[in-house]
Amino acid sequence: MKKPSSKIREEIARLQDQLKQAETREAERIGRIALKAGLGEIVIDEAELQAAFEDVAKRFRGGKGAATGRKYAGESRSGSDPSATQPASADAGGSVEA
């Protein structure tokens, strides 16, 4: 028997809430560790910080190569274009839209 669309929507909403809660827990954990390491006191461009985090992630995943700090390595970035960098909250705890 197939599920009605209303039940599927309810399940999607429940899963989105679970995802948001899991991302929030992960972001808080990483944030606490970063603050303990002194990253809260460092003045650094967001793209550079994201690139450094990507390098750390690759290191622990066994990958190699330099991170760019951008979603697409080939895109250009100007100081006045806020869409060129992804906000930290987007990965860490942003809401999911369906």
PDB file of N, CA and C in Angstrom:
ATOM      1  N   MET A   1       0.839  -1.184   0.000  1.00  0.00           N
ATOM      2  CA  MET A   1       0.000   0.000   0.000  1.00  0.00           C
ATOM      3  C   MET A   1       0.883   1.246   0.000  1.00  0.00           C
ATOM      4  N   LYS A   2       0.591   2.151  -0.883  1.00  0.00           N
ATOM      5  CA  LYS A   2       1.370   3.375  -0.990  1.00  0.00           C
ATOM      6  C   LYS A   2       0.923   4.384   0.054  1.00  0.00           C
ATOM      7  N   LYS A   3       1.885   5.212   0.484  1.00  0.00           N
ATOM      8  CA  LYS A   3       1.584   6.258   1.464  1.00  0.00           C
ATOM      9  C   LYS A   3       0.927   7.440   0.766  1.00  0.00           C
ATOM     10  N   PRO A   4      -0.057   8.048   1.410  1.00  0.00           N
ATOM     11  CA  PRO A   4      -0.623   9.274   0.837  1.00  0.00           C
ATOM     12  C   PRO A   4       0.396  10.410   0.933  1.00  0.00           C
ATOM     13  N   SER A   5       0.239  11.385   0.065  1.00  0.00           N
ATOM     14  CA  SER A   5       1.200  12.489   0.004  1.00  0.00           C
ATOM     15  C   SER A   5       1.282  13.252   1.325  1.00  0.00           C
ATOM     16  N   SER A   6       0.184  13.341   2.054  1.00  0.00           N
ATOM     17  CA  SER A   6       0.219  14.061   3.336  1.00  0.00           C
ATOM     18  C   SER A   6       1.132  13.353   4.333  1.00  0.00           C
ATOM     19  N   LYS A   7       1.130  12.033   4.340  1.00  0.00           N
ATOM     20  CA  LYS A   7       2.012  11.272   5.241  1.00  0.00           C
ATOM     21  C   LYS A   7       3.470  11.447   4.840  1.00  0.00           C
ATOM     22  N   ILE A   8       3.733  11.476   3.550  1.00  0.00           N
ATOM     23  CA  ILE A   8       5.100  11.676   3.061  1.00  0.00           C
ATOM     24  C   ILE A   8       5.591  13.066   3.458  1.00  0.00           C
ATOM     25  N   ARG A   9       4.723  14.093   3.318  1.00  0.00           N
ATOM     26  CA  ARG A   9       5.096  15.449   3.720  1.00  0.00           C
ATOM     27  C   ARG A   9       5.407  15.517   5.210  1.00  0.00           C
ATOM     28  N   GLU A  10       4.591  14.841   6.027  1.00  0.00           N
ATOM     29  CA  GLU A  10       4.837  14.801   7.472  1.00  0.00           C
ATOM     30  C   GLU A  10       6.183  14.157   7.779  1.00  0.00           C
ATOM     31  N   GLU A  11       6.484  13.074   7.071  1.00  0.00           N
ATOM     32  CA  GLU A  11       7.751  12.384   7.279  1.00  0.00           C
ATOM     33  C   GLU A  11       8.927  13.263   6.856  1.00  0.00           C
ATOM     34  N   ILE A  12       8.780  13.964   5.745  1.00  0.00           N
ATOM     35  CA  ILE A  12       9.834  14.879   5.281  1.00  0.00           C
ATOM     36  C   ILE A  12      10.057  15.979   6.306  1.00  0.00           C
ATOM     37  N   ALA A  13       8.970  16.552   6.833  1.00  0.00           N
ATOM     38  CA  ALA A  13       9.094  17.615   7.839  1.00  0.00           C
ATOM     39  C   ALA A  13       9.785  17.089   9.091  1.00  0.00           C
ATOM     40  N   ARG A  14       9.445  15.875   9.511  1.00  0.00           N
ATOM     41  CA  ARG A  14      10.071  15.267  10.689  1.00  0.00           C
ATOM     42  C   ARG A  14      11.562  15.033  10.446  1.00  0.00           C
ATOM     43  N   LEU A  15      11.905  14.535   9.259  1.00  0.00           N
ATOM     44  CA  LEU A  15      13.314  14.293   8.929  1.00  0.00           C
ATOM     45  C   LEU A  15      14.102  15.596   8.817  1.00  0.00           C
ATOM     46  N   GLN A  16      13.473  16.647   8.271  1.00  0.00           N
ATOM     47  CA  GLN A  16      14.140  17.943   8.191  1.00  0.00           C
ATOM     48  C   GLN A  16      14.429  18.484   9.581  1.00  0.00           C
ATOM     49  N   ASP A  17      13.498  18.286  10.503  1.00  0.00           N
ATOM     50  CA  ASP A  17      13.712  18.715  11.880  1.00  0.00           C
ATOM     51  C   ASP A  17      14.845  17.923  12.523  1.00  0.00           C
ATOM     52  N   GLN A  18      14.872  16.616  12.285  1.00  0.00           N
ATOM     53  CA  GLN A  18      15.962  15.792  12.819  1.00  0.00           C
ATOM     54  C   GLN A  18      17.304  16.228  12.252  1.00  0.00           C
ATOM     55  N   LEU A  19      17.335  16.543  10.954  1.00  0.00           N
ATOM     56  CA  LEU A  19      18.566  16.993  10.310  1.00  0.00           C
ATOM     57  C   LEU A  19      19.041  18.306  10.917  1.00  0.00           C
ATOM     58  N   LYS A  20      18.115  19.236  11.106  1.00  0.00           N
ATOM     59  CA  LYS A  20      18.457  20.532  11.686  1.00  0.00           C
ATOM     60  C   LYS A  20      19.027  20.362  13.095  1.00  0.00           C
ATOM     61  N   GLN A  21      18.411  19.487  13.889  1.00  0.00           N
ATOM     62  CA  GLN A  21      18.902  19.236  15.243  1.00  0.00           C
ATOM     63  C   GLN A  21      20.291  18.605  15.221  1.00  0.00           C
ATOM     64  N   ALA A  22      20.514  17.651  14.319  1.00  0.00           N
ATOM     65  CA  ALA A  22      21.822  16.999  14.214  1.00  0.00           C
ATOM     66  C   ALA A  22      22.887  18.000  13.770  1.00  0.00           C
ATOM     67  N   GLU A  23      22.564  18.853  12.798  1.00  0.00           N
ATOM     68  CA  GLU A  23      23.515  19.860  12.330  1.00  0.00           C
ATOM     69  C   GLU A  23      23.838  20.854  13.436  1.00  0.00           C
ATOM     70  N   THR A  24      22.831  21.216  14.236  1.00  0.00           N
ATOM     71  CA  THR A  24      23.058  22.139  15.346  1.00  0.00           C
ATOM     72  C   THR A  24      24.003  21.522  16.371  1.00  0.00           C
ATOM     73  N   ARG A  25      23.775  20.248  16.706  1.00  0.00           N
ATOM     74  CA  ARG A  25      24.675  19.567  17.654  1.00  0.00           C
ATOM     75  C   ARG A  25      26.102  19.526  17.121  1.00  0.00           C
ATOM     76  N   GLU A  26      26.249  19.187  15.826  1.00  0.00           N
ATOM     77  CA  GLU A  26      27.575  19.116  15.222  1.00  0.00           C
ATOM     78  C   GLU A  26      28.245  20.484  15.208  1.00  0.00           C
ATOM     79  N   ALA A  27      27.494  21.517  14.864  1.00  0.00           N
ATOM     80  CA  ALA A  27      28.049  22.872  14.817  1.00  0.00           C
ATOM     81  C   ALA A  27      28.486  23.331  16.201  1.00  0.00           C
ATOM     82  N   GLU A  28      27.672  23.037  17.211  1.00  0.00           N
ATOM     83  CA  GLU A  28      28.037  23.427  18.575  1.00  0.00           C
ATOM     84  C   GLU A  28      29.288  22.691  19.029  1.00  0.00           C
ATOM     85  N   ARG A  29      29.402  21.416  18.695  1.00  0.00           N
ATOM     86  CA  ARG A  29      30.588  20.638  19.058  1.00  0.00           C
ATOM     87  C   ARG A  29      31.845  21.212  18.405  1.00  0.00           C
ATOM     88  N   ILE A  30      31.771  21.440  17.089  1.00  0.00           N
ATOM     89  CA  ILE A  30      32.915  21.994  16.366  1.00  0.00           C
ATOM     90  C   ILE A  30      33.233  23.397  16.874  1.00  0.00           C
ATOM     91  N   GLY A  31      32.201  24.181  17.144  1.00  0.00           N
ATOM     92  CA  GLY A  31      32.398  25.542  17.654  1.00  0.00           C
ATOM     93  C   GLY A  31      33.105  25.550  18.997  1.00  0.00           C
ATOM     94  N   ARG A  32      32.693  24.666  19.895  1.00  0.00           N
ATOM     95  CA  ARG A  32      33.359  24.581  21.215  1.00  0.00           C
ATOM     96  C   ARG A  32      34.828  24.208  21.064  1.00  0.00           C
ATOM     97  N   ILE A  33      35.094  23.245  20.188  1.00  0.00           N
ATOM     98  CA  ILE A  33      36.480  22.818  19.967  1.00  0.00           C
ATOM     99  C   ILE A  33      37.290  23.958  19.365  1.00  0.00           C
ATOM    100  N   ALA A  34      36.716  24.670  18.397  1.00  0.00           N
ATOM    101  CA  ALA A  34      37.413  25.792  17.758  1.00  0.00           C
ATOM    102  C   ALA A  34      37.725  26.889  18.769  1.00  0.00           C
ATOM    103  N   LEU A  35      36.776  27.184  19.649  1.00  0.00           N
ATOM    104  CA  LEU A  35      37.012  28.210  20.670  1.00  0.00           C
ATOM    105  C   LEU A  35      38.095  27.776  21.654  1.00  0.00           C
ATOM    106  N   LYS A  36      38.081  26.512  22.036  1.00  0.00           N
ATOM    107  CA  LYS A  36      39.123  26.005  22.941  1.00  0.00           C
ATOM    108  C   LYS A  36      40.497  26.103  22.295  1.00  0.00           C
ATOM    109  N   ALA A  37      40.542  25.940  20.981  1.00  0.00           N
ATOM    110  CA  ALA A  37      41.804  26.018  20.249  1.00  0.00           C
ATOM    111  C   ALA A  37      42.229  27.462  19.997  1.00  0.00           C
ATOM    112  N   GLY A  38      41.383  28.423  20.345  1.00  0.00           N
ATOM    113  CA  GLY A  38      41.727  29.828  20.184  1.00  0.00           C
ATOM    114  C   GLY A  38      41.321  30.448  18.862  1.00  0.00           C
ATOM    115  N   LEU A  39      40.505  29.764  18.078  1.00  0.00           N
ATOM    116  CA  LEU A  39      40.112  30.305  16.768  1.00  0.00           C
ATOM    117  C   LEU A  39      39.187  31.510  16.880  1.00  0.00           C
ATOM    118  N   GLY A  40      38.531  31.678  18.008  1.00  0.00           N
ATOM    119  CA  GLY A  40      37.639  32.815  18.172  1.00  0.00           C
ATOM    120  C   GLY A  40      38.371  34.139  18.229  1.00  0.00           C
ATOM    121  N   GLU A  41      39.654  34.097  18.543  1.00  0.00           N
ATOM    122  CA  GLU A  41      40.446  35.315  18.681  1.00  0.00           C
ATOM    123  C   GLU A  41      41.221  35.674  17.420  1.00  0.00           C
ATOM    124  N   ILE A  42      41.185  34.811  16.422  1.00  0.00           N
ATOM    125  CA  ILE A  42      41.946  35.028  15.197  1.00  0.00           C
ATOM    126  C   ILE A  42      41.128  35.874  14.231  1.00  0.00           C
ATOM    127  N   VAL A  43      41.748  36.903  13.667  1.00  0.00           N
ATOM    128  CA  VAL A  43      41.104  37.718  12.643  1.00  0.00           C
ATOM    129  C   VAL A  43      41.520  37.126  11.301  1.00  0.00           C
ATOM    130  N   ILE A  44      40.543  36.522  10.603  1.00  0.00           N
ATOM    131  CA  ILE A  44      40.832  35.840   9.340  1.00  0.00           C
ATOM    132  C   ILE A  44      39.615  35.942   8.433  1.00  0.00           C
ATOM    133  N   ASP A  45      39.865  36.049   7.144  1.00  0.00           N
ATOM    134  CA  ASP A  45      38.803  36.084   6.159  1.00  0.00           C
ATOM    135  C   ASP A  45      38.037  34.764   6.214  1.00  0.00           C
ATOM    136  N   GLU A  46      36.734  34.824   6.085  1.00  0.00           N
ATOM    137  CA  GLU A  46      35.903  33.630   6.190  1.00  0.00           C
ATOM    138  C   GLU A  46      36.285  32.561   5.165  1.00  0.00           C
ATOM    139  N   ALA A  47      36.607  32.982   3.956  1.00  0.00           N
ATOM    140  CA  ALA A  47      36.989  32.017   2.917  1.00  0.00           C
ATOM    141  C   ALA A  47      38.279  31.296   3.290  1.00  0.00           C
ATOM    142  N   GLU A  48      39.235  32.027   3.871  1.00  0.00           N
ATOM    143  CA  GLU A  48      40.485  31.392   4.293  1.00  0.00           C
ATOM    144  C   GLU A  48      40.242  30.402   5.422  1.00  0.00           C
ATOM    145  N   LEU A  49      39.376  30.769   6.356  1.00  0.00           N
ATOM    146  CA  LEU A  49      39.061  29.879   7.467  1.00  0.00           C
ATOM    147  C   LEU A  49      38.344  28.634   6.964  1.00  0.00           C
ATOM    148  N   GLN A  50      37.424  28.803   6.037  1.00  0.00           N
ATOM    149  CA  GLN A  50      36.728  27.654   5.472  1.00  0.00           C
ATOM    150  C   GLN A  50      37.716  26.746   4.748  1.00  0.00           C
ATOM    151  N   ALA A  51      38.658  27.332   4.005  1.00  0.00           N
ATOM    152  CA  ALA A  51      39.671  26.531   3.309  1.00  0.00           C
ATOM    153  C   ALA A  51      40.507  25.734   4.304  1.00  0.00           C
ATOM    154  N   ALA A  52      40.861  26.363   5.418  1.00  0.00           N
ATOM    155  CA  ALA A  52      41.639  25.660   6.439  1.00  0.00           C
ATOM    156  C   ALA A  52      40.833  24.502   7.022  1.00  0.00           C
ATOM    157  N   PHE A  53      39.545  24.727   7.270  1.00  0.00           N
ATOM    158  CA  PHE A  53      38.693  23.641   7.773  1.00  0.00           C
ATOM    159  C   PHE A  53      38.585  22.519   6.742  1.00  0.00           C
ATOM    160  N   GLU A  54      38.489  22.883   5.462  1.00  0.00           N
ATOM    161  CA  GLU A  54      38.424  21.858   4.418  1.00  0.00           C
ATOM    162  C   GLU A  54      39.705  21.043   4.380  1.00  0.00           C
ATOM    163  N   ASP A  55      40.851  21.701   4.563  1.00  0.00           N
ATOM    164  CA  ASP A  55      42.130  20.988   4.616  1.00  0.00           C
ATOM    165  C   ASP A  55      42.160  20.011   5.787  1.00  0.00           C
ATOM    166  N   VAL A  56      41.669  20.442   6.936  1.00  0.00           N
ATOM    167  CA  VAL A  56      41.615  19.565   8.107  1.00  0.00           C
ATOM    168  C   VAL A  56      40.710  18.372   7.819  1.00  0.00           C
ATOM    169  N   ALA A  57      39.547  18.628   7.215  1.00  0.00           N
ATOM    170  CA  ALA A  57      38.620  17.546   6.899  1.00  0.00           C
ATOM    171  C   ALA A  57      39.269  16.546   5.946  1.00  0.00           C
ATOM    172  N   LYS A  58      39.964  17.046   4.928  1.00  0.00           N
ATOM    173  CA  LYS A  58      40.646  16.155   3.975  1.00  0.00           C
ATOM    174  C   LYS A  58      41.724  15.342   4.677  1.00  0.00           C
ATOM    175  N   ARG A  59      42.434  15.983   5.589  1.00  0.00           N
ATOM    176  CA  ARG A  59      43.489  15.290   6.328  1.00  0.00           C
ATOM    177  C   ARG A  59      42.922  14.091   7.091  1.00  0.00           C
ATOM    178  N   PHE A  60      41.794  14.288   7.730  1.00  0.00           N
ATOM    179  CA  PHE A  60      41.203  13.215   8.524  1.00  0.00           C
ATOM    180  C   PHE A  60      40.444  12.209   7.672  1.00  0.00           C
ATOM    181  N   ARG A  61      40.105  12.587   6.466  1.00  0.00           N
ATOM    182  CA  ARG A  61      39.461  11.641   5.554  1.00  0.00           C
ATOM    183  C   ARG A  61      40.484  10.925   4.692  1.00  0.00           C
ATOM    184  N   GLY A  62      41.746  11.326   4.787  1.00  0.00           N
ATOM    185  CA  GLY A  62      42.797  10.687   4.012  1.00  0.00           C
ATOM    186  C   GLY A  62      42.975  11.266   2.626  1.00  0.00           C
ATOM    187  N   GLY A  63      42.289  12.372   2.318  1.00  0.00           N
ATOM    188  CA  GLY A  63      42.406  12.997   1.009  1.00  0.00           C
ATOM    189  C   GLY A  63      43.602  13.932   0.951  1.00  0.00           C
ATOM    190  N   LYS A  64      43.910  14.381  -0.232  1.00  0.00           N
ATOM    191  CA  LYS A  64      45.016  15.317  -0.404  1.00  0.00           C
ATOM    192  C   LYS A  64      44.566  16.459  -1.285  1.00  0.00           C
ATOM    193  N   GLY A  65      45.340  17.511  -1.303  1.00  0.00           N
ATOM    194  CA  GLY A  65      45.029  18.659  -2.146  1.00  0.00           C
ATOM    195  C   GLY A  65      44.649  19.859  -1.318  1.00  0.00           C
ATOM    196  N   ALA A  66      44.833  21.038  -1.894  1.00  0.00           N
ATOM    197  CA  ALA A  66      44.541  22.288  -1.191  1.00  0.00           C
ATOM    198  C   ALA A  66      43.085  22.655  -1.366  1.00  0.00           C
ATOM    199  N   ALA A  67      42.483  23.147  -0.323  1.00  0.00           N
ATOM    200  CA  ALA A  67      41.104  23.619  -0.380  1.00  0.00           C
ATOM    201  C   ALA A  67      41.098  25.066  -0.848  1.00  0.00           C
ATOM    202  N   THR A  68      40.009  25.452  -1.482  1.00  0.00           N
ATOM    203  CA  THR A  68      39.916  26.817  -1.999  1.00  0.00           C
ATOM    204  C   THR A  68      39.077  27.712  -1.110  1.00  0.00           C
ATOM    205  N   GLY A  69      38.245  27.126  -0.262  1.00  0.00           N
ATOM    206  CA  GLY A  69      37.355  27.931   0.565  1.00  0.00           C
ATOM    207  C   GLY A  69      36.139  28.400  -0.192  1.00  0.00           C
ATOM    208  N   ARG A  70      35.964  27.923  -1.411  1.00  0.00           N
ATOM    209  CA  ARG A  70      34.824  28.298  -2.238  1.00  0.00           C
ATOM    210  C   ARG A  70      34.097  27.052  -2.684  1.00  0.00           C
ATOM    211  N   LYS A  71      32.829  27.211  -2.983  1.00  0.00           N
ATOM    212  CA  LYS A  71      32.030  26.082  -3.437  1.00  0.00           C
ATOM    213  C   LYS A  71      32.562  25.560  -4.773  1.00  0.00           C
ATOM    214  N   TYR A  72      32.916  26.482  -5.657  1.00  0.00           N
ATOM    215  CA  TYR A  72      33.479  26.110  -6.953  1.00  0.00           C
ATOM    216  C   TYR A  72      34.834  26.786  -7.088  1.00  0.00           C
ATOM    217  N   ALA A  73      35.861  26.003  -7.311  1.00  0.00           N
ATOM    218  CA  ALA A  73      37.224  26.523  -7.338  1.00  0.00           C
ATOM    219  C   ALA A  73      37.416  27.563  -8.438  1.00  0.00           C
ATOM    220  N   GLY A  74      36.668  27.469  -9.533  1.00  0.00           N
ATOM    221  CA  GLY A  74      36.878  28.366 -10.647  1.00  0.00           C
ATOM    222  C   GLY A  74      36.155  29.700 -10.545  1.00  0.00           C
ATOM    223  N   GLU A  75      35.315  29.887  -9.558  1.00  0.00           N
ATOM    224  CA  GLU A  75      34.555  31.139  -9.510  1.00  0.00           C
ATOM    225  C   GLU A  75      35.421  32.287  -9.000  1.00  0.00           C
ATOM    226  N   SER A  76      35.161  33.471  -9.506  1.00  0.00           N
ATOM    227  CA  SER A  76      35.916  34.627  -9.052  1.00  0.00           C
ATOM    228  C   SER A  76      35.258  35.204  -7.821  1.00  0.00           C
ATOM    229  N   ARG A  77      36.023  35.961  -7.040  1.00  0.00           N
ATOM    230  CA  ARG A  77      35.496  36.517  -5.796  1.00  0.00           C
ATOM    231  C   ARG A  77      35.935  37.959  -5.670  1.00  0.00           C
ATOM    232  N   SER A  78      34.970  38.817  -5.410  1.00  0.00           N
ATOM    233  CA  SER A  78      35.307  40.203  -5.126  1.00  0.00           C
ATOM    234  C   SER A  78      34.906  40.495  -3.698  1.00  0.00           C
ATOM    235  N   GLY A  79      35.524  41.478  -3.103  1.00  0.00           N
ATOM    236  CA  GLY A  79      35.248  41.815  -1.715  1.00  0.00           C
ATOM    237  C   GLY A  79      33.819  42.246  -1.474  1.00  0.00           C
ATOM    238  N   SER A  80      33.122  42.719  -2.505  1.00  0.00           N
ATOM    239  CA  SER A  80      31.767  43.202  -2.317  1.00  0.00           C
ATOM    240  C   SER A  80      30.714  42.149  -2.633  1.00  0.00           C
ATOM    241  N   ASP A  81      31.108  40.943  -2.992  1.00  0.00           N
ATOM    242  CA  ASP A  81      30.159  39.906  -3.352  1.00  0.00           C
ATOM    243  C   ASP A  81      29.995  38.922  -2.208  1.00  0.00           C
ATOM    244  N   PRO A  82      28.955  39.096  -1.363  1.00  0.00           N
ATOM    245  CA  PRO A  82      28.789  38.211  -0.219  1.00  0.00           C
ATOM    246  C   PRO A  82      28.424  36.790  -0.609  1.00  0.00           C
ATOM    247  N   SER A  83      27.939  36.560  -1.838  1.00  0.00           N
ATOM    248  CA  SER A  83      27.576  35.210  -2.240  1.00  0.00           C
ATOM    249  C   SER A  83      28.789  34.379  -2.631  1.00  0.00           C
ATOM    250  N   ALA A  84      29.969  34.990  -2.709  1.00  0.00           N
ATOM    251  CA  ALA A  84      31.159  34.257  -3.111  1.00  0.00           C
ATOM    252  C   ALA A  84      31.643  33.314  -2.026  1.00  0.00           C
ATOM    253  N   THR A  85      31.299  33.581  -0.798  1.00  0.00           N
ATOM    254  CA  THR A  85      31.658  32.665   0.276  1.00  0.00           C
ATOM    255  C   THR A  85      30.392  32.112   0.885  1.00  0.00           C
ATOM    256  N   GLN A  86      30.497  30.917   1.389  1.00  0.00           N
ATOM    257  CA  GLN A  86      29.348  30.289   2.012  1.00  0.00           C
ATOM    258  C   GLN A  86      29.393  30.567   3.496  1.00  0.00           C
ATOM    259  N   PRO A  87      28.333  31.090   4.087  1.00  0.00           N
ATOM    260  CA  PRO A  87      28.352  31.358   5.516  1.00  0.00           C
ATOM    261  C   PRO A  87      28.569  30.075   6.301  1.00  0.00           C
ATOM    262  N   ALA A  88      29.264  30.191   7.417  1.00  0.00           N
ATOM    263  CA  ALA A  88      29.539  29.021   8.238  1.00  0.00           C
ATOM    264  C   ALA A  88      28.252  28.358   8.682  1.00  0.00           C
ATOM    265  N   SER A  89      27.215  29.131   8.896  1.00  0.00           N
ATOM    266  CA  SER A  89      25.960  28.563   9.368  1.00  0.00           C
ATOM    267  C   SER A  89      25.258  27.745   8.299  1.00  0.00           C
ATOM    268  N   ALA A  90      25.611  27.920   7.056  1.00  0.00           N
ATOM    269  CA  ALA A  90      24.950  27.182   6.014  1.00  0.00           C
ATOM    270  C   ALA A  90      25.239  25.695   6.119  1.00  0.00           C
ATOM    271  N   ASP A  91      26.460  25.318   6.408  1.00  0.00           N
ATOM    272  CA  ASP A  91      26.784  23.921   6.595  1.00  0.00           C
ATOM    273  C   ASP A  91      26.474  23.470   7.999  1.00  0.00           C
ATOM    274  N   ALA A  92      26.669  24.351   8.920  1.00  0.00           N
ATOM    275  CA  ALA A  92      26.617  23.950  10.310  1.00  0.00           C
ATOM    276  C   ALA A  92      25.222  23.831  10.865  1.00  0.00           C
ATOM    277  N   GLY A  93      24.313  24.652  10.452  1.00  0.00           N
ATOM    278  CA  GLY A  93      23.014  24.574  11.080  1.00  0.00           C
ATOM    279  C   GLY A  93      21.934  25.272  10.298  1.00  0.00           C
ATOM    280  N   GLY A  94      22.169  25.496   9.020  1.00  0.00           N
ATOM    281  CA  GLY A  94      21.174  26.176   8.224  1.00  0.00           C
ATOM    282  C   GLY A  94      19.947  25.308   8.034  1.00  0.00           C
ATOM    283  N   SER A  95      18.845  25.920   7.741  1.00  0.00           N
ATOM    284  CA  SER A  95      17.618  25.166   7.550  1.00  0.00           C
ATOM    285  C   SER A  95      17.629  24.547   6.165  1.00  0.00           C
ATOM    286  N   VAL A  96      16.901  23.457   6.042  1.00  0.00           N
ATOM    287  CA  VAL A  96      16.813  22.749   4.783  1.00  0.00           C
ATOM    288  C   VAL A  96      15.468  23.058   4.170  1.00  0.00           C
ATOM    289  N   GLU A  97      15.490  23.439   2.908  1.00  0.00           N
ATOM    290  CA  GLU A  97      14.242  23.738   2.231  1.00  0.00           C
ATOM    291  C   GLU A  97      13.947  22.639   1.230  1.00  0.00           C
ATOM    292  N   ALA A  98      12.703  22.238   1.161  1.00  0.00           N
ATOM    293  CA  ALA A  98      12.320  21.186   0.212  1.00  0.00           C
ATOM    294  C   ALA A  98      11.541  21.742  -0.930  1.00  0.00           C
TER     295      ALA A  98
END
